[in-house]
Amino acid sequence: MQDYSMLCQQYSHILGGEMNVKHGVCSVKKDRSNINLNIFGKPSRSGVALH
């Protein structure tokens, strides 16, 4: 499991996010608040639209 954790850590480093290993699953959380998003040509800052 230690090798898996190291692999997850390297993956999170590549993506520039924070890693979390829970129940054998690697997830990486990354802040995406700097994305300029347009919906139907209008600027949007909705968190729902970013997911």
Protein backbone atom coordinates (compact mmCIF):
# COMPACT_ATOMS: atom_id res chain seq x y z
CA MET A 1 0.00 0.00 0.00
CA GLN A 2 2.96 2.29 0.59
CA ASP A 3 3.91 2.19 -3.11
CA TYR A 4 0.32 3.07 -4.00
CA SER A 5 0.40 6.04 -1.64
CA MET A 6 3.67 7.22 -3.20
CA LEU A 7 2.16 6.89 -6.69
CA CYS A 8 -0.88 8.90 -5.56
CA GLN A 9 1.42 11.55 -4.10
CA GLN A 10 3.34 11.83 -7.38
CA TYR A 11 0.05 12.07 -9.30
CA SER A 12 -1.17 14.88 -7.04
CA HIS A 13 2.14 16.69 -7.50
CA ILE A 14 1.77 16.50 -11.30
CA LEU A 15 -1.77 17.90 -11.08
CA GLY A 16 -0.81 20.49 -8.47
CA GLY A 17 -3.47 19.37 -6.02
CA GLU A 18 -3.95 17.75 -2.62
CA MET A 19 -4.02 13.97 -2.44
CA ASN A 20 -6.22 11.73 -0.34
CA VAL A 21 -6.18 7.94 -0.16
CA LYS A 22 -9.28 6.42 1.40
CA HIS A 23 -10.38 2.78 1.18
CA GLY A 24 -7.68 2.14 -1.41
CA VAL A 25 -8.85 4.94 -3.72
CA CYS A 26 -6.59 7.84 -4.69
CA SER A 27 -8.28 11.19 -5.16
CA VAL A 28 -6.74 14.56 -5.91
CA LYS A 29 -8.44 17.82 -4.99
CA LYS A 30 -7.49 20.88 -7.02
CA ASP A 31 -8.72 24.45 -6.67
CA ARG A 32 -10.34 25.51 -9.93
CA SER A 33 -11.55 28.97 -8.91
CA ASN A 34 -9.27 30.62 -11.48
CA ILE A 35 -11.15 29.14 -14.46
CA ASN A 36 -12.86 31.71 -16.67
CA LEU A 37 -16.16 30.08 -17.53
CA ASN A 38 -18.84 31.25 -19.95
CA ILE A 39 -22.29 29.68 -20.14
CA PHE A 40 -24.31 30.72 -23.19
CA GLY A 41 -21.79 33.52 -23.74
CA LYS A 42 -22.16 34.99 -20.24
CA PRO A 43 -19.49 34.85 -17.50
CA SER A 44 -20.29 32.43 -14.70
CA ARG A 45 -18.67 31.71 -11.34
CA SER A 46 -21.09 28.95 -10.32
CA GLY A 47 -19.47 26.05 -8.50
CA VAL A 48 -22.11 23.76 -9.98
CA ALA A 49 -21.02 24.61 -13.50
CA LEU A 50 -17.41 23.67 -12.69
CA HIS A 51 -18.23 20.13 -11.55
